[in-house]
């Protein structure tokens, strides 16, 4: 699916308006709307940012700022599964840096490796997340198995 097709699909899809309407009465609805849009469409396109900005009476720059600041929001749909590997200090102390170097080689076109800084399981690191599933106490064989499953 091309970016233009994704953009048109999101704008013309009544689901986008449903997502906006579901959160519009909340205080500070932008982030919950972006979370739902990312989950539903796999990205937050330029056209979608404009549509959300208009619906919330925000500037497109305000919406773009939120999308570009948080790493969970993507402006284009990923073509590969995303493996988020924690590289925060607690995971670093347990070997995540060595895993990060090997993860790229292991992924070899099967997944996109994305560095994140804290998945909230500091005491059982190194950690990774695929989709909504968090995997703790990773070592090289466990990471390799995760990537193979993709």
N, C-alpha and C. Protein backbone atom coordinates (compact mmCIF):
# COMPACT_ATOMS: atom_id res chain seq x y z
N UNK A 1 0.85 -1.17 0.00
CA UNK A 1 0.00 0.00 0.00
C UNK A 1 0.89 1.22 0.00
N UNK A 2 0.67 2.16 -0.89
CA UNK A 2 1.50 3.35 -0.95
C UNK A 2 1.09 4.35 0.11
N UNK A 3 1.96 5.33 0.32
CA UNK A 3 1.65 6.36 1.32
C UNK A 3 0.40 7.13 0.91
N UNK A 4 0.26 7.45 -0.38
CA UNK A 4 -0.92 8.18 -0.84
C UNK A 4 -2.18 7.37 -0.59
N UNK A 5 -2.12 6.06 -0.85
CA UNK A 5 -3.29 5.22 -0.60
C UNK A 5 -3.61 5.17 0.88
N UNK A 6 -2.57 5.03 1.70
CA UNK A 6 -2.78 5.00 3.15
C UNK A 6 -3.42 6.31 3.59
N UNK A 7 -2.91 7.43 3.10
CA UNK A 7 -3.44 8.73 3.47
C UNK A 7 -4.91 8.84 3.11
N UNK A 8 -5.26 8.52 1.87
CA UNK A 8 -6.65 8.61 1.45
C UNK A 8 -7.53 7.65 2.23
N UNK A 9 -7.05 6.44 2.47
CA UNK A 9 -7.82 5.46 3.21
C UNK A 9 -8.13 5.96 4.61
N UNK A 10 -7.13 6.52 5.28
CA UNK A 10 -7.35 7.01 6.64
C UNK A 10 -8.34 8.17 6.65
N UNK A 11 -8.20 9.10 5.72
CA UNK A 11 -9.06 10.28 5.74
C UNK A 11 -10.51 9.92 5.41
N UNK A 12 -10.70 9.04 4.45
CA UNK A 12 -12.04 8.69 4.02
C UNK A 12 -12.68 7.62 4.89
N UNK A 13 -11.90 7.00 5.73
CA UNK A 13 -12.40 5.92 6.57
C UNK A 13 -13.18 6.51 7.74
N UNK A 14 -14.44 6.13 7.86
CA UNK A 14 -15.21 6.65 8.99
C UNK A 14 -14.64 6.22 10.34
N UNK A 15 -13.79 5.21 10.35
CA UNK A 15 -13.17 4.76 11.60
C UNK A 15 -12.33 5.87 12.22
N UNK A 16 -11.66 6.68 11.40
CA UNK A 16 -10.87 7.79 11.92
C UNK A 16 -11.77 8.76 12.67
N UNK A 17 -12.91 9.09 12.10
CA UNK A 17 -13.85 9.99 12.78
C UNK A 17 -14.40 9.37 14.06
N UNK A 18 -14.60 8.06 14.04
CA UNK A 18 -15.08 7.36 15.25
C UNK A 18 -14.03 7.45 16.36
N UNK A 19 -12.77 7.27 16.00
CA UNK A 19 -11.69 7.34 16.99
C UNK A 19 -11.64 8.74 17.60
N UNK A 20 -11.71 9.75 16.76
CA UNK A 20 -11.67 11.13 17.24
C UNK A 20 -12.87 11.40 18.14
N UNK A 21 -14.05 11.00 17.70
CA UNK A 21 -15.27 11.25 18.48
C UNK A 21 -15.24 10.54 19.83
N UNK A 22 -14.64 9.37 19.89
CA UNK A 22 -14.58 8.61 21.14
C UNK A 22 -13.76 9.33 22.22
N UNK A 23 -12.84 10.18 21.81
CA UNK A 23 -11.96 10.85 22.77
C UNK A 23 -12.19 12.36 22.86
N UNK A 24 -12.99 12.90 21.99
CA UNK A 24 -13.10 14.35 21.88
C UNK A 24 -13.58 15.03 23.16
N UNK A 25 -14.39 14.39 23.96
CA UNK A 25 -14.88 15.00 25.18
C UNK A 25 -13.90 14.95 26.34
N UNK A 26 -12.80 14.23 26.18
CA UNK A 26 -11.80 14.08 27.24
C UNK A 26 -10.93 15.32 27.37
N UNK A 27 -10.34 15.48 28.53
CA UNK A 27 -9.32 16.50 28.68
C UNK A 27 -8.05 15.96 28.01
N UNK A 28 -7.41 16.76 27.20
CA UNK A 28 -6.18 16.39 26.49
C UNK A 28 -6.36 15.10 25.68
N UNK A 29 -7.21 15.13 24.65
CA UNK A 29 -7.52 13.91 23.90
C UNK A 29 -6.48 13.52 22.84
N UNK A 30 -5.51 14.37 22.56
CA UNK A 30 -4.62 14.11 21.43
C UNK A 30 -3.87 12.78 21.53
N UNK A 31 -3.22 12.52 22.65
CA UNK A 31 -2.43 11.29 22.76
C UNK A 31 -3.30 10.03 22.68
N UNK A 32 -4.45 9.96 23.37
CA UNK A 32 -5.28 8.76 23.19
C UNK A 32 -5.76 8.58 21.75
N UNK A 33 -6.03 9.69 21.06
CA UNK A 33 -6.43 9.59 19.65
C UNK A 33 -5.27 9.05 18.82
N UNK A 34 -4.08 9.59 19.03
CA UNK A 34 -2.91 9.12 18.27
C UNK A 34 -2.62 7.66 18.57
N UNK A 35 -2.76 7.23 19.83
CA UNK A 35 -2.57 5.82 20.17
C UNK A 35 -3.51 4.93 19.38
N UNK A 36 -4.78 5.31 19.35
CA UNK A 36 -5.77 4.50 18.63
C UNK A 36 -5.56 4.52 17.12
N UNK A 37 -5.18 5.68 16.59
CA UNK A 37 -4.92 5.78 15.14
C UNK A 37 -3.72 4.91 14.77
N UNK A 38 -2.65 4.98 15.56
CA UNK A 38 -1.47 4.16 15.29
C UNK A 38 -1.83 2.67 15.34
N UNK A 39 -2.60 2.28 16.33
CA UNK A 39 -3.00 0.86 16.45
C UNK A 39 -3.90 0.43 15.30
N UNK A 40 -4.81 1.28 14.91
CA UNK A 40 -5.78 0.94 13.86
C UNK A 40 -5.17 0.91 12.46
N UNK A 41 -4.36 1.92 12.14
CA UNK A 41 -3.87 2.08 10.77
C UNK A 41 -2.39 1.74 10.59
N UNK A 42 -1.67 1.59 11.69
CA UNK A 42 -0.25 1.28 11.60
C UNK A 42 0.64 2.50 11.41
N UNK A 43 0.04 3.68 11.30
CA UNK A 43 0.81 4.91 11.16
C UNK A 43 -0.13 6.11 11.35
N UNK A 44 0.48 7.28 11.46
CA UNK A 44 -0.27 8.54 11.53
C UNK A 44 0.23 9.38 10.36
N UNK A 45 -0.49 9.33 9.26
CA UNK A 45 -0.07 10.01 8.03
C UNK A 45 -0.25 11.52 8.13
N UNK A 46 0.33 12.24 7.19
CA UNK A 46 0.20 13.69 7.13
C UNK A 46 -1.26 14.11 7.06
N UNK A 47 -2.02 13.46 6.20
CA UNK A 47 -3.43 13.81 6.05
C UNK A 47 -4.21 13.55 7.33
N UNK A 48 -3.85 12.49 8.02
CA UNK A 48 -4.50 12.17 9.29
C UNK A 48 -4.16 13.21 10.35
N UNK A 49 -2.90 13.66 10.37
CA UNK A 49 -2.52 14.71 11.31
C UNK A 49 -3.34 15.98 11.06
N UNK A 50 -3.53 16.33 9.79
CA UNK A 50 -4.34 17.51 9.47
C UNK A 50 -5.78 17.33 9.94
N UNK A 51 -6.31 16.16 9.70
CA UNK A 51 -7.70 15.86 10.08
C UNK A 51 -7.88 15.94 11.60
N UNK A 52 -6.95 15.37 12.34
CA UNK A 52 -7.01 15.41 13.80
C UNK A 52 -6.88 16.85 14.29
N UNK A 53 -5.94 17.59 13.72
CA UNK A 53 -5.74 18.99 14.12
C UNK A 53 -7.01 19.80 13.92
N UNK A 54 -7.63 19.61 12.78
CA UNK A 54 -8.87 20.33 12.49
C UNK A 54 -9.97 19.94 13.49
N UNK A 55 -10.09 18.67 13.76
CA UNK A 55 -11.14 18.20 14.68
C UNK A 55 -10.94 18.70 16.10
N UNK A 56 -9.69 18.86 16.52
CA UNK A 56 -9.40 19.27 17.90
C UNK A 56 -9.09 20.77 18.01
N UNK A 57 -9.20 21.49 16.90
CA UNK A 57 -8.90 22.91 16.86
C UNK A 57 -7.46 23.18 17.32
N UNK A 58 -6.54 22.36 16.80
CA UNK A 58 -5.11 22.50 17.04
C UNK A 58 -4.44 22.84 15.71
N UNK A 59 -3.19 23.29 15.78
CA UNK A 59 -2.45 23.46 14.53
C UNK A 59 -1.90 22.10 14.11
N UNK A 60 -1.61 21.96 12.84
CA UNK A 60 -1.01 20.73 12.37
C UNK A 60 0.37 20.57 13.01
N UNK A 61 1.04 21.69 13.29
CA UNK A 61 2.36 21.64 13.94
C UNK A 61 2.27 21.04 15.35
N UNK A 62 1.21 21.34 16.08
CA UNK A 62 1.04 20.77 17.42
C UNK A 62 0.88 19.25 17.34
N UNK A 63 0.09 18.79 16.38
CA UNK A 63 -0.11 17.35 16.21
C UNK A 63 1.18 16.70 15.72
N UNK A 64 1.83 17.33 14.75
CA UNK A 64 3.09 16.80 14.22
C UNK A 64 4.15 16.73 15.33
N UNK A 65 4.19 17.74 16.19
CA UNK A 65 5.15 17.75 17.29
C UNK A 65 4.99 16.54 18.19
N UNK A 66 3.75 16.19 18.48
CA UNK A 66 3.48 15.02 19.32
C UNK A 66 3.90 13.74 18.60
N UNK A 67 3.55 13.64 17.32
CA UNK A 67 3.87 12.43 16.54
C UNK A 67 5.38 12.27 16.41
N UNK A 68 6.08 13.36 16.15
CA UNK A 68 7.52 13.26 15.93
C UNK A 68 8.30 13.10 17.23
N UNK A 69 7.74 13.52 18.36
CA UNK A 69 8.43 13.41 19.65
C UNK A 69 8.42 11.98 20.17
N UNK A 70 7.29 11.30 20.07
CA UNK A 70 7.17 9.95 20.62
C UNK A 70 7.51 8.90 19.57
N UNK A 71 8.37 7.97 19.94
CA UNK A 71 8.84 6.95 19.00
C UNK A 71 7.79 5.89 18.67
N UNK A 72 6.72 5.82 19.43
CA UNK A 72 5.69 4.83 19.13
C UNK A 72 4.83 5.21 17.94
N UNK A 73 4.89 6.47 17.54
CA UNK A 73 4.09 6.92 16.39
C UNK A 73 4.97 6.93 15.15
N UNK A 74 4.43 6.39 14.08
CA UNK A 74 5.15 6.32 12.81
C UNK A 74 4.34 7.02 11.74
N UNK A 75 5.03 7.74 10.87
CA UNK A 75 4.35 8.48 9.81
C UNK A 75 4.07 7.62 8.59
N UNK A 76 4.74 6.50 8.48
CA UNK A 76 4.46 5.53 7.42
C UNK A 76 4.32 4.16 8.05
N UNK A 77 3.57 3.32 7.40
CA UNK A 77 3.32 1.98 7.92
C UNK A 77 4.58 1.12 7.78
N UNK A 78 4.93 0.42 8.83
CA UNK A 78 6.10 -0.45 8.82
C UNK A 78 5.86 -1.62 7.89
N UNK A 79 6.89 -2.00 7.16
CA UNK A 79 6.78 -3.15 6.27
C UNK A 79 7.23 -4.44 6.94
N UNK A 80 7.95 -4.31 8.05
CA UNK A 80 8.44 -5.46 8.81
C UNK A 80 7.95 -5.36 10.25
N UNK A 81 7.89 -6.47 10.96
CA UNK A 81 7.59 -6.40 12.40
C UNK A 81 8.66 -5.58 13.10
N UNK A 82 8.27 -4.87 14.15
CA UNK A 82 9.20 -4.04 14.89
C UNK A 82 9.52 -4.70 16.23
N UNK A 83 10.80 -4.91 16.47
CA UNK A 83 11.28 -5.42 17.75
C UNK A 83 11.91 -4.24 18.47
N UNK A 84 11.31 -3.85 19.59
CA UNK A 84 11.82 -2.73 20.38
C UNK A 84 12.72 -3.30 21.45
N UNK A 85 13.98 -2.93 21.39
CA UNK A 85 14.97 -3.45 22.33
C UNK A 85 15.34 -2.34 23.31
N UNK A 86 15.16 -2.62 24.59
CA UNK A 86 15.46 -1.63 25.62
C UNK A 86 16.97 -1.44 25.74
N UNK A 87 17.36 -0.15 25.72
CA UNK A 87 18.77 0.18 25.84
C UNK A 87 19.00 1.19 26.97
N UNK A 88 18.07 1.21 27.93
CA UNK A 88 18.22 2.08 29.10
C UNK A 88 19.31 1.52 30.01
N UNK A 89 19.68 2.31 31.01
CA UNK A 89 20.81 1.96 31.86
C UNK A 89 20.69 0.60 32.54
N UNK A 90 19.52 0.28 33.07
CA UNK A 90 19.37 -1.01 33.76
C UNK A 90 19.58 -2.17 32.80
N UNK A 91 19.02 -2.07 31.61
CA UNK A 91 19.21 -3.14 30.62
C UNK A 91 20.64 -3.15 30.09
N UNK A 92 21.24 -1.96 29.97
CA UNK A 92 22.65 -1.90 29.55
C UNK A 92 23.54 -2.65 30.54
N UNK A 93 23.24 -2.49 31.82
CA UNK A 93 24.06 -3.16 32.83
C UNK A 93 23.90 -4.67 32.78
N UNK A 94 22.88 -5.13 32.10
CA UNK A 94 22.64 -6.57 31.97
C UNK A 94 22.94 -7.08 30.56
N UNK A 95 23.60 -6.25 29.74
CA UNK A 95 24.07 -6.74 28.45
C UNK A 95 23.27 -6.37 27.23
N UNK A 96 22.40 -5.37 27.31
CA UNK A 96 21.58 -5.04 26.13
C UNK A 96 22.40 -4.46 24.99
N UNK A 97 23.52 -3.82 25.29
CA UNK A 97 24.34 -3.25 24.21
C UNK A 97 24.91 -4.35 23.32
N UNK A 98 25.38 -5.42 23.93
CA UNK A 98 25.89 -6.55 23.14
C UNK A 98 24.76 -7.18 22.33
N UNK A 99 23.58 -7.28 22.95
CA UNK A 99 22.42 -7.83 22.22
C UNK A 99 22.02 -6.94 21.06
N UNK A 100 22.07 -5.62 21.25
CA UNK A 100 21.68 -4.69 20.20
C UNK A 100 22.55 -4.88 18.96
N UNK A 101 23.83 -5.04 19.17
CA UNK A 101 24.75 -5.24 18.05
C UNK A 101 24.42 -6.53 17.30
N UNK A 102 24.09 -7.57 18.04
CA UNK A 102 23.78 -8.86 17.41
C UNK A 102 22.38 -8.90 16.83
N UNK A 103 21.45 -8.11 17.38
CA UNK A 103 20.06 -8.13 16.93
C UNK A 103 19.95 -7.72 15.47
N UNK A 104 20.69 -6.69 15.07
CA UNK A 104 20.65 -6.24 13.68
C UNK A 104 21.06 -7.35 12.72
N UNK A 105 22.13 -8.04 13.06
CA UNK A 105 22.60 -9.14 12.21
C UNK A 105 21.59 -10.28 12.19
N UNK A 106 21.01 -10.58 13.36
CA UNK A 106 20.02 -11.67 13.44
C UNK A 106 18.75 -11.33 12.67
N UNK A 107 18.35 -10.07 12.70
CA UNK A 107 17.10 -9.66 12.07
C UNK A 107 17.16 -9.88 10.56
N UNK A 108 18.24 -9.51 9.94
CA UNK A 108 18.51 -9.78 8.54
C UNK A 108 17.26 -9.73 7.65
N UNK A 109 16.53 -8.61 7.70
CA UNK A 109 15.35 -8.45 6.85
C UNK A 109 14.07 -9.05 7.39
N UNK A 110 14.11 -9.67 8.56
CA UNK A 110 12.91 -10.28 9.16
C UNK A 110 12.18 -9.33 10.09
N UNK A 111 12.92 -8.34 10.64
CA UNK A 111 12.34 -7.41 11.59
C UNK A 111 13.12 -6.11 11.56
N UNK A 112 12.47 -5.08 12.01
CA UNK A 112 13.12 -3.80 12.19
C UNK A 112 13.46 -3.69 13.68
N UNK A 113 14.72 -3.42 13.99
CA UNK A 113 15.15 -3.29 15.38
C UNK A 113 15.09 -1.81 15.75
N UNK A 114 14.37 -1.52 16.81
CA UNK A 114 14.19 -0.13 17.25
C UNK A 114 14.66 -0.03 18.69
N UNK A 115 15.52 0.92 18.96
CA UNK A 115 15.99 1.14 20.33
C UNK A 115 14.95 1.94 21.10
N UNK A 116 14.65 1.50 22.30
CA UNK A 116 13.77 2.25 23.21
C UNK A 116 14.50 2.38 24.54
N UNK A 117 14.03 3.33 25.33
CA UNK A 117 14.72 3.59 26.58
C UNK A 117 13.76 3.46 27.75
N UNK A 118 13.51 2.22 28.09
CA UNK A 118 12.76 1.73 29.24
C UNK A 118 11.41 1.15 28.84
N UNK A 119 11.28 -0.12 29.10
CA UNK A 119 10.01 -0.83 28.92
C UNK A 119 9.37 -1.11 30.27
N UNK A 120 9.98 -0.64 31.34
CA UNK A 120 9.38 -0.75 32.66
C UNK A 120 9.63 -2.04 33.41
N UNK A 121 10.56 -2.84 32.94
CA UNK A 121 10.89 -4.09 33.62
C UNK A 121 12.37 -4.12 33.97
N UNK A 122 12.82 -3.06 34.58
CA UNK A 122 14.25 -2.86 34.82
C UNK A 122 14.90 -4.00 35.59
N UNK A 123 14.19 -4.61 36.50
CA UNK A 123 14.80 -5.64 37.34
C UNK A 123 14.98 -6.97 36.63
N UNK A 124 14.38 -7.12 35.45
CA UNK A 124 14.47 -8.40 34.74
C UNK A 124 14.97 -8.21 33.31
N UNK A 125 15.81 -7.20 33.09
CA UNK A 125 16.33 -6.92 31.75
C UNK A 125 17.44 -7.88 31.38
N UNK A 126 17.88 -7.80 30.17
CA UNK A 126 17.42 -6.97 29.08
C UNK A 126 16.03 -7.39 28.58
N UNK A 127 15.31 -6.38 28.06
CA UNK A 127 13.94 -6.60 27.62
C UNK A 127 13.74 -6.18 26.17
N UNK A 128 12.72 -6.76 25.57
CA UNK A 128 12.32 -6.36 24.23
C UNK A 128 10.80 -6.45 24.15
N UNK A 129 10.25 -5.71 23.19
CA UNK A 129 8.80 -5.74 22.98
C UNK A 129 8.54 -5.97 21.50
N UNK A 130 7.61 -6.87 21.23
CA UNK A 130 7.13 -7.11 19.87
C UNK A 130 5.63 -7.02 19.95
N UNK A 131 5.06 -6.09 19.16
CA UNK A 131 3.62 -5.85 19.29
C UNK A 131 3.37 -5.36 20.70
N UNK A 132 2.49 -5.98 21.41
CA UNK A 132 2.22 -5.60 22.79
C UNK A 132 2.86 -6.54 23.79
N UNK A 133 3.64 -7.50 23.32
CA UNK A 133 4.24 -8.49 24.21
C UNK A 133 5.65 -8.11 24.62
N UNK A 134 5.90 -8.11 25.92
CA UNK A 134 7.22 -7.80 26.45
C UNK A 134 7.91 -9.11 26.80
N UNK A 135 9.18 -9.20 26.46
CA UNK A 135 9.99 -10.38 26.72
C UNK A 135 11.16 -9.97 27.59
N UNK A 136 11.32 -10.64 28.73
CA UNK A 136 12.32 -10.26 29.73
C UNK A 136 13.45 -11.28 29.79
N UNK A 137 14.50 -10.86 30.48
CA UNK A 137 15.68 -11.70 30.72
C UNK A 137 16.25 -12.27 29.43
N UNK A 138 16.37 -11.42 28.43
CA UNK A 138 16.86 -11.88 27.14
C UNK A 138 18.36 -12.13 27.17
N UNK A 139 18.73 -13.19 26.48
CA UNK A 139 20.12 -13.45 26.18
C UNK A 139 20.16 -13.71 24.68
N UNK A 140 21.31 -14.02 24.15
CA UNK A 140 21.42 -14.19 22.70
C UNK A 140 20.51 -15.29 22.15
N UNK A 141 20.47 -16.49 22.74
CA UNK A 141 19.57 -17.52 22.21
C UNK A 141 18.09 -17.13 22.29
N UNK A 142 17.69 -16.48 23.36
CA UNK A 142 16.28 -16.06 23.50
C UNK A 142 15.92 -14.99 22.46
N UNK A 143 16.83 -14.05 22.23
CA UNK A 143 16.60 -13.02 21.23
C UNK A 143 16.53 -13.64 19.83
N UNK A 144 17.42 -14.56 19.56
CA UNK A 144 17.41 -15.24 18.26
C UNK A 144 16.10 -16.00 18.05
N UNK A 145 15.61 -16.65 19.08
CA UNK A 145 14.33 -17.37 18.98
C UNK A 145 13.18 -16.41 18.70
N UNK A 146 13.18 -15.26 19.36
CA UNK A 146 12.13 -14.25 19.12
C UNK A 146 12.13 -13.79 17.67
N UNK A 147 13.30 -13.51 17.17
CA UNK A 147 13.41 -13.02 15.79
C UNK A 147 13.02 -14.12 14.81
N UNK A 148 13.40 -15.36 15.08
CA UNK A 148 13.02 -16.48 14.21
C UNK A 148 11.50 -16.64 14.14
N UNK A 149 10.80 -16.40 15.27
CA UNK A 149 9.34 -16.54 15.32
C UNK A 149 8.62 -15.50 14.46
N UNK A 150 9.30 -14.40 14.17
CA UNK A 150 8.69 -13.37 13.35
C UNK A 150 8.56 -13.84 11.93
